[in-house]
Amino acid sequence: MGNFICLEGIDGSGKSTQIIALENLFKNKGFEVLKIREPGGTEISENVREILLNPAHKNKMNNITELLLYNAARAQLLHEVIKPALEKGVVVLADRFAYSTLAYQGYGRGLNIDMIKNLLNITCGDCFPNKTFILDLPVSLSRERQARDGARSGQDRIELEKNEFFERVAEGYRTIAKENPKNCILLNATIAQDDIFKLLVSHLDG
């Protein structure tokens, strides 16, 4: 089986940068690497992504609808892409996975945590990342970084949420890390990107 590694965190925490660095690391070691993002990664999942992130659906989409759509996209991605890749020994690097649902729909939206965990068990089964790195960033700094990236700032339905929502999400991620110490590692995302990467690598063999 291949290695399944996930990076989590609120927008602007540097997930994409670290995934590229990890991709280069594994490729230089001779591994085949597959990068994925959630929601998305298949034709069906990308169509679901468009529905989920469409700003026109702001204040219209029911929270349970949102929860189920994220997991529908995830189920398709697992079936069509992730599981076949892992069976071939490919290293899968994920920009978000199941913990995003706990953080955003559970802690952010206030949906029942146990209900979400049960749904994730149905969606993911035993296919879960070996390591999940949560890049912990203050919401104020997240907003600053997004503002500097004009192409991203305020473009989708989730990004349009208020700071209070993201504060709950960020705190939810911290709680998730505390509750899952064996496979989940919380990292300070305010330090230099090179230093974050060194920490990531130091934990890969742990």
C-alpha atoms as a PDB file:
ATOM      1  CA  MET A   1       0.000   0.000   0.000  1.00  0.00           C
ATOM      2  CA  GLY A   2       1.119   3.543  -0.684  1.00  0.00           C
ATOM      3  CA  ASN A   3       1.595   6.327   1.812  1.00  0.00           C
ATOM      4  CA  PHE A   4      -1.386   8.652   2.386  1.00  0.00           C
ATOM      5  CA  ILE A   5      -0.470  12.090   3.781  1.00  0.00           C
ATOM      6  CA  CYS A   6      -2.860  14.984   4.336  1.00  0.00           C
ATOM      7  CA  LEU A   7      -2.371  18.672   5.078  1.00  0.00           C
ATOM      8  CA  GLU A   8      -5.134  20.566   6.833  1.00  0.00           C
ATOM      9  CA  GLY A   9      -5.713  24.110   8.034  1.00  0.00           C
ATOM     10  CA  ILE A  10      -7.619  27.271   7.273  1.00  0.00           C
ATOM     11  CA  ASP A  11      -6.928  29.126   4.030  1.00  0.00           C
ATOM     12  CA  GLY A  12      -3.581  30.853   3.844  1.00  0.00           C
ATOM     13  CA  SER A  13      -1.851  28.394   6.169  1.00  0.00           C
ATOM     14  CA  GLY A  14       0.532  27.230   3.437  1.00  0.00           C
ATOM     15  CA  LYS A  15      -0.862  23.784   2.623  1.00  0.00           C
ATOM     16  CA  SER A  16      -0.250  24.068  -1.114  1.00  0.00           C
ATOM     17  CA  THR A  17       3.352  25.187  -0.637  1.00  0.00           C
ATOM     18  CA  GLN A  18       4.147  22.290   1.672  1.00  0.00           C
ATOM     19  CA  ILE A  19       2.445  19.740  -0.583  1.00  0.00           C
ATOM     20  CA  ILE A  20       4.629  20.841  -3.502  1.00  0.00           C
ATOM     21  CA  ALA A  21       7.725  20.491  -1.307  1.00  0.00           C
ATOM     22  CA  LEU A  22       6.625  17.027  -0.168  1.00  0.00           C
ATOM     23  CA  GLU A  23       5.934  16.029  -3.754  1.00  0.00           C
ATOM     24  CA  ASN A  24       9.481  16.968  -4.734  1.00  0.00           C
ATOM     25  CA  LEU A  25      10.886  15.125  -1.729  1.00  0.00           C
ATOM     26  CA  PHE A  26       9.121  11.853  -2.540  1.00  0.00           C
ATOM     27  CA  LYS A  27       9.793  12.087  -6.276  1.00  0.00           C
ATOM     28  CA  ASN A  28      13.494  12.608  -5.592  1.00  0.00           C
ATOM     29  CA  LYS A  29      13.386   9.389  -3.570  1.00  0.00           C
ATOM     30  CA  GLY A  30      11.918   7.541  -6.542  1.00  0.00           C
ATOM     31  CA  PHE A  31       8.272   7.378  -5.495  1.00  0.00           C
ATOM     32  CA  GLU A  32       5.296   7.943  -7.733  1.00  0.00           C
ATOM     33  CA  VAL A  33       3.240  10.787  -6.249  1.00  0.00           C
ATOM     34  CA  LEU A  34      -0.379  11.828  -6.648  1.00  0.00           C
ATOM     35  CA  LYS A  35      -1.619  15.215  -5.423  1.00  0.00           C
ATOM     36  CA  ILE A  36      -5.312  15.670  -4.714  1.00  0.00           C
ATOM     37  CA  ARG A  37      -7.516  18.423  -3.338  1.00  0.00           C
ATOM     38  CA  GLU A  38     -10.870  18.363  -1.637  1.00  0.00           C
ATOM     39  CA  PRO A  39     -13.505  18.748  -2.742  1.00  0.00           C
ATOM     40  CA  GLY A  40     -12.585  17.682  -6.260  1.00  0.00           C
ATOM     41  CA  GLY A  41     -10.258  15.316  -8.068  1.00  0.00           C
ATOM     42  CA  THR A  42     -12.787  13.537 -10.315  1.00  0.00           C
ATOM     43  CA  GLU A  43     -15.351  14.763 -12.824  1.00  0.00           C
ATOM     44  CA  ILE A  44     -18.198  14.122 -10.393  1.00  0.00           C
ATOM     45  CA  SER A  45     -16.329  15.551  -7.401  1.00  0.00           C
ATOM     46  CA  GLU A  46     -15.374  18.692  -9.312  1.00  0.00           C
ATOM     47  CA  ASN A  47     -19.023  19.230 -10.240  1.00  0.00           C
ATOM     48  CA  VAL A  48     -19.957  18.908  -6.573  1.00  0.00           C
ATOM     49  CA  ARG A  49     -17.177  21.390  -5.741  1.00  0.00           C
ATOM     50  CA  GLU A  50     -18.747  23.970  -8.027  1.00  0.00           C
ATOM     51  CA  ILE A  51     -22.046  23.613  -6.187  1.00  0.00           C
ATOM     52  CA  LEU A  52     -20.433  23.799  -2.737  1.00  0.00           C
ATOM     53  CA  LEU A  53     -18.262  26.837  -3.378  1.00  0.00           C
ATOM     54  CA  ASN A  54     -20.594  28.845  -5.613  1.00  0.00           C
ATOM     55  CA  PRO A  55     -21.019  32.289  -3.942  1.00  0.00           C
ATOM     56  CA  ALA A  56     -24.570  32.413  -5.298  1.00  0.00           C
ATOM     57  CA  HIS A  57     -25.452  29.708  -2.768  1.00  0.00           C
ATOM     58  CA  LYS A  58     -24.390  31.846   0.192  1.00  0.00           C
ATOM     59  CA  ASN A  59     -27.097  31.804   2.902  1.00  0.00           C
ATOM     60  CA  LYS A  60     -29.105  29.326   0.816  1.00  0.00           C
ATOM     61  CA  MET A  61     -27.402  25.974   1.324  1.00  0.00           C
ATOM     62  CA  ASN A  62     -28.562  23.974   4.322  1.00  0.00           C
ATOM     63  CA  ASN A  63     -25.763  22.807   6.635  1.00  0.00           C
ATOM     64  CA  ILE A  64     -26.755  19.148   6.294  1.00  0.00           C
ATOM     65  CA  THR A  65     -26.807  19.522   2.514  1.00  0.00           C
ATOM     66  CA  GLU A  66     -23.279  20.932   2.714  1.00  0.00           C
ATOM     67  CA  LEU A  67     -22.143  18.067   4.946  1.00  0.00           C
ATOM     68  CA  LEU A  68     -23.531  15.406   2.620  1.00  0.00           C
ATOM     69  CA  LEU A  69     -22.189  17.037  -0.526  1.00  0.00           C
ATOM     70  CA  TYR A  70     -18.649  17.190   0.846  1.00  0.00           C
ATOM     71  CA  ASN A  71     -18.820  13.512   1.708  1.00  0.00           C
ATOM     72  CA  ALA A  72     -20.388  12.601  -1.635  1.00  0.00           C
ATOM     73  CA  ALA A  73     -17.442  14.242  -3.401  1.00  0.00           C
ATOM     74  CA  ARG A  74     -15.044  12.465  -1.024  1.00  0.00           C
ATOM     75  CA  ALA A  75     -16.638   9.054  -1.564  1.00  0.00           C
ATOM     76  CA  GLN A  76     -16.248   9.394  -5.326  1.00  0.00           C
ATOM     77  CA  LEU A  77     -12.634  10.539  -4.991  1.00  0.00           C
ATOM     78  CA  LEU A  78     -11.819   7.593  -2.723  1.00  0.00           C
ATOM     79  CA  HIS A  79     -13.431   5.070  -5.039  1.00  0.00           C
ATOM     80  CA  GLU A  80     -12.118   6.452  -8.305  1.00  0.00           C
ATOM     81  CA  VAL A  81      -8.681   7.831  -7.410  1.00  0.00           C
ATOM     82  CA  ILE A  82      -7.291   7.404  -3.887  1.00  0.00           C
ATOM     83  CA  LYS A  83      -7.830   3.678  -3.261  1.00  0.00           C
ATOM     84  CA  PRO A  84      -6.544   2.572  -6.692  1.00  0.00           C
ATOM     85  CA  ALA A  85      -3.458   4.766  -6.252  1.00  0.00           C
ATOM     86  CA  LEU A  86      -2.676   3.428  -2.786  1.00  0.00           C
ATOM     87  CA  GLU A  87      -3.092  -0.154  -3.988  1.00  0.00           C
ATOM     88  CA  LYS A  88      -0.384   0.558  -6.575  1.00  0.00           C
ATOM     89  CA  GLY A  89       2.000   1.906  -3.930  1.00  0.00           C
ATOM     90  CA  VAL A  90       1.600   5.540  -4.944  1.00  0.00           C
ATOM     91  CA  VAL A  91       2.220   8.290  -2.378  1.00  0.00           C
ATOM     92  CA  VAL A  92      -1.009  10.300  -2.093  1.00  0.00           C
ATOM     93  CA  LEU A  93      -0.716  13.908  -0.895  1.00  0.00           C
ATOM     94  CA  ALA A  94      -4.065  15.435   0.011  1.00  0.00           C
ATOM     95  CA  ASP A  95      -4.946  19.107   0.366  1.00  0.00           C
ATOM     96  CA  ARG A  96      -7.711  18.501   2.945  1.00  0.00           C
ATOM     97  CA  PHE A  97      -9.566  15.301   3.800  1.00  0.00           C
ATOM     98  CA  ALA A  98     -11.996  14.066   6.461  1.00  0.00           C
ATOM     99  CA  TYR A  99     -10.748  16.281   9.300  1.00  0.00           C
ATOM    100  CA  SER A 100     -11.855  19.277   7.229  1.00  0.00           C
ATOM    101  CA  THR A 101     -15.426  18.077   7.608  1.00  0.00           C
ATOM    102  CA  LEU A 102     -15.046  17.805  11.367  1.00  0.00           C
ATOM    103  CA  ALA A 103     -13.473  21.258  11.562  1.00  0.00           C
ATOM    104  CA  TYR A 104     -15.749  23.151   9.160  1.00  0.00           C
ATOM    105  CA  GLN A 105     -19.103  21.413   9.387  1.00  0.00           C
ATOM    106  CA  GLY A 106     -18.680  20.167  12.958  1.00  0.00           C
ATOM    107  CA  TYR A 107     -16.950  22.926  14.882  1.00  0.00           C
ATOM    108  CA  GLY A 108     -17.577  25.699  12.346  1.00  0.00           C
ATOM    109  CA  ARG A 109     -21.256  25.039  11.580  1.00  0.00           C
ATOM    110  CA  GLY A 110     -22.038  23.455  14.930  1.00  0.00           C
ATOM    111  CA  LEU A 111     -23.311  20.151  13.593  1.00  0.00           C
ATOM    112  CA  ASN A 112     -23.221  17.115  15.863  1.00  0.00           C
ATOM    113  CA  ILE A 113     -19.674  15.757  16.054  1.00  0.00           C
ATOM    114  CA  ASP A 114     -20.678  12.127  16.645  1.00  0.00           C
ATOM    115  CA  MET A 115     -23.035  12.242  13.657  1.00  0.00           C
ATOM    116  CA  ILE A 116     -20.209  13.527  11.470  1.00  0.00           C
ATOM    117  CA  LYS A 117     -17.803  10.849  12.730  1.00  0.00           C
ATOM    118  CA  ASN A 118     -20.366   8.171  11.850  1.00  0.00           C
ATOM    119  CA  LEU A 119     -20.784   9.654   8.392  1.00  0.00           C
ATOM    120  CA  LEU A 120     -17.017   9.754   7.898  1.00  0.00           C
ATOM    121  CA  ASN A 121     -16.824   6.082   8.830  1.00  0.00           C
ATOM    122  CA  ILE A 122     -19.363   5.328   6.108  1.00  0.00           C
ATOM    123  CA  THR A 123     -17.549   7.512   3.574  1.00  0.00           C
ATOM    124  CA  CYS A 124     -13.937   6.572   4.293  1.00  0.00           C
ATOM    125  CA  GLY A 125     -14.075   3.126   5.892  1.00  0.00           C
ATOM    126  CA  ASP A 126     -10.508   2.122   6.679  1.00  0.00           C
ATOM    127  CA  CYS A 127      -8.983   4.432   4.065  1.00  0.00           C
ATOM    128  CA  PHE A 128      -7.598   7.279   6.145  1.00  0.00           C
ATOM    129  CA  PRO A 129      -4.307   9.218   5.966  1.00  0.00           C
ATOM    130  CA  ASN A 130      -1.289   7.718   7.693  1.00  0.00           C
ATOM    131  CA  LYS A 131      -0.292  11.231   8.758  1.00  0.00           C
ATOM    132  CA  THR A 132      -2.286  14.444   8.911  1.00  0.00           C
ATOM    133  CA  PHE A 133      -0.461  17.724   9.435  1.00  0.00           C
ATOM    134  CA  ILE A 134      -2.607  20.616  10.644  1.00  0.00           C
ATOM    135  CA  LEU A 135      -1.051  24.008   9.901  1.00  0.00           C
ATOM    136  CA  ASP A 136      -2.233  26.254  12.714  1.00  0.00           C
ATOM    137  CA  LEU A 137      -2.633  29.907  11.722  1.00  0.00           C
ATOM    138  CA  PRO A 138      -4.415  32.837  13.414  1.00  0.00           C
ATOM    139  CA  VAL A 139      -7.507  33.921  11.488  1.00  0.00           C
ATOM    140  CA  SER A 140      -6.222  37.498  11.291  1.00  0.00           C
ATOM    141  CA  LEU A 141      -3.070  36.332   9.521  1.00  0.00           C
ATOM    142  CA  SER A 142      -5.134  34.070   7.250  1.00  0.00           C
ATOM    143  CA  ARG A 143      -7.150  37.104   6.156  1.00  0.00           C
ATOM    144  CA  GLU A 144      -3.995  39.142   5.575  1.00  0.00           C
ATOM    145  CA  ARG A 145      -2.492  36.454   3.376  1.00  0.00           C
ATOM    146  CA  GLN A 146      -5.689  36.058   1.379  1.00  0.00           C
ATOM    147  CA  ALA A 147      -5.926  39.823   0.900  1.00  0.00           C
ATOM    148  CA  ARG A 148      -2.440  39.785  -0.615  1.00  0.00           C
ATOM    149  CA  ASP A 149      -3.613  37.086  -3.013  1.00  0.00           C
ATOM    150  CA  GLY A 150      -6.293  39.032  -4.855  1.00  0.00           C
ATOM    151  CA  ALA A 151      -7.103  36.089  -7.121  1.00  0.00           C
ATOM    152  CA  ARG A 152      -8.301  34.040  -4.123  1.00  0.00           C
ATOM    153  CA  SER A 153      -9.731  36.485  -1.638  1.00  0.00           C
ATOM    154  CA  GLY A 154     -13.498  36.309  -1.228  1.00  0.00           C
ATOM    155  CA  GLN A 155     -14.042  34.244  -4.344  1.00  0.00           C
ATOM    156  CA  ASP A 156     -15.989  31.301  -2.979  1.00  0.00           C
ATOM    157  CA  ARG A 157     -18.888  30.691  -0.597  1.00  0.00           C
ATOM    158  CA  ILE A 158     -16.735  29.449   2.289  1.00  0.00           C
ATOM    159  CA  GLU A 159     -14.251  32.322   2.070  1.00  0.00           C
ATOM    160  CA  LEU A 160     -17.174  34.728   2.435  1.00  0.00           C
ATOM    161  CA  GLU A 161     -17.882  33.481   5.975  1.00  0.00           C
ATOM    162  CA  LYS A 162     -17.234  35.819   8.911  1.00  0.00           C
ATOM    163  CA  ASN A 163     -14.123  35.677  11.064  1.00  0.00           C
ATOM    164  CA  GLU A 164     -16.086  34.122  13.936  1.00  0.00           C
ATOM    165  CA  PHE A 165     -16.749  31.073  11.788  1.00  0.00           C
ATOM    166  CA  PHE A 166     -13.064  30.616  11.010  1.00  0.00           C
ATOM    167  CA  GLU A 167     -12.137  31.084  14.662  1.00  0.00           C
ATOM    168  CA  ARG A 168     -14.372  28.118  15.480  1.00  0.00           C
ATOM    169  CA  VAL A 169     -12.828  26.124  12.640  1.00  0.00           C
ATOM    170  CA  ALA A 170      -9.268  26.898  13.784  1.00  0.00           C
ATOM    171  CA  GLU A 171     -10.080  25.930  17.361  1.00  0.00           C
ATOM    172  CA  GLY A 172     -11.771  22.798  16.044  1.00  0.00           C
ATOM    173  CA  TYR A 173      -8.580  21.799  14.256  1.00  0.00           C
ATOM    174  CA  ARG A 174      -6.646  22.217  17.518  1.00  0.00           C
ATOM    175  CA  THR A 175      -9.143  19.980  19.290  1.00  0.00           C
ATOM    176  CA  ILE A 176      -8.878  17.386  16.528  1.00  0.00           C
ATOM    177  CA  ALA A 177      -5.094  17.330  16.887  1.00  0.00           C
ATOM    178  CA  LYS A 178      -5.346  16.792  20.644  1.00  0.00           C
ATOM    179  CA  GLU A 179      -7.844  13.952  20.212  1.00  0.00           C
ATOM    180  CA  ASN A 180      -5.828  12.151  17.508  1.00  0.00           C
ATOM    181  CA  PRO A 181      -2.178  12.339  18.632  1.00  0.00           C
ATOM    182  CA  LYS A 182      -1.109   9.132  16.869  1.00  0.00           C
ATOM    183  CA  ASN A 183      -1.764  10.289  13.317  1.00  0.00           C
ATOM    184  CA  CYS A 184      -2.389  14.033  13.619  1.00  0.00           C
ATOM    185  CA  ILE A 185       0.304  16.672  14.150  1.00  0.00           C
ATOM    186  CA  LEU A 186      -0.344  20.358  14.846  1.00  0.00           C
ATOM    187  CA  LEU A 187       2.293  22.717  13.442  1.00  0.00           C
ATOM    188  CA  ASN A 188       2.775  26.445  13.879  1.00  0.00           C
ATOM    189  CA  ALA A 189       2.101  27.939  10.439  1.00  0.00           C
ATOM    190  CA  THR A 190       3.430  31.379  11.337  1.00  0.00           C
ATOM    191  CA  ILE A 191       7.079  30.296  11.126  1.00  0.00           C
ATOM    192  CA  ALA A 192       9.165  30.251   7.937  1.00  0.00           C
ATOM    193  CA  GLN A 193       8.025  27.840   5.223  1.00  0.00           C
ATOM    194  CA  ASP A 194      11.395  26.063   5.202  1.00  0.00           C
ATOM    195  CA  ASP A 195      11.159  25.494   8.943  1.00  0.00           C
ATOM    196  CA  ILE A 196       7.631  24.112   8.600  1.00  0.00           C
ATOM    197  CA  PHE A 197       8.869  21.705   5.946  1.00  0.00           C
ATOM    198  CA  LYS A 198      11.700  20.495   8.174  1.00  0.00           C
ATOM    199  CA  LEU A 199       9.166  19.743  10.891  1.00  0.00           C
ATOM    200  CA  LEU A 200       6.957  17.885   8.418  1.00  0.00           C
ATOM    201  CA  VAL A 201       9.840  15.705   7.289  1.00  0.00           C
ATOM    202  CA  SER A 202      10.933  15.019  10.879  1.00  0.00           C
ATOM    203  CA  HIS A 203       7.513  13.529  11.618  1.00  0.00           C
ATOM    204  CA  LEU A 204       7.206  11.367   8.493  1.00  0.00           C
ATOM    205  CA  ASP A 205       9.263   8.537   9.949  1.00  0.00           C
ATOM    206  CA  GLY A 206       7.690   8.819  13.381  1.00  0.00           C
END
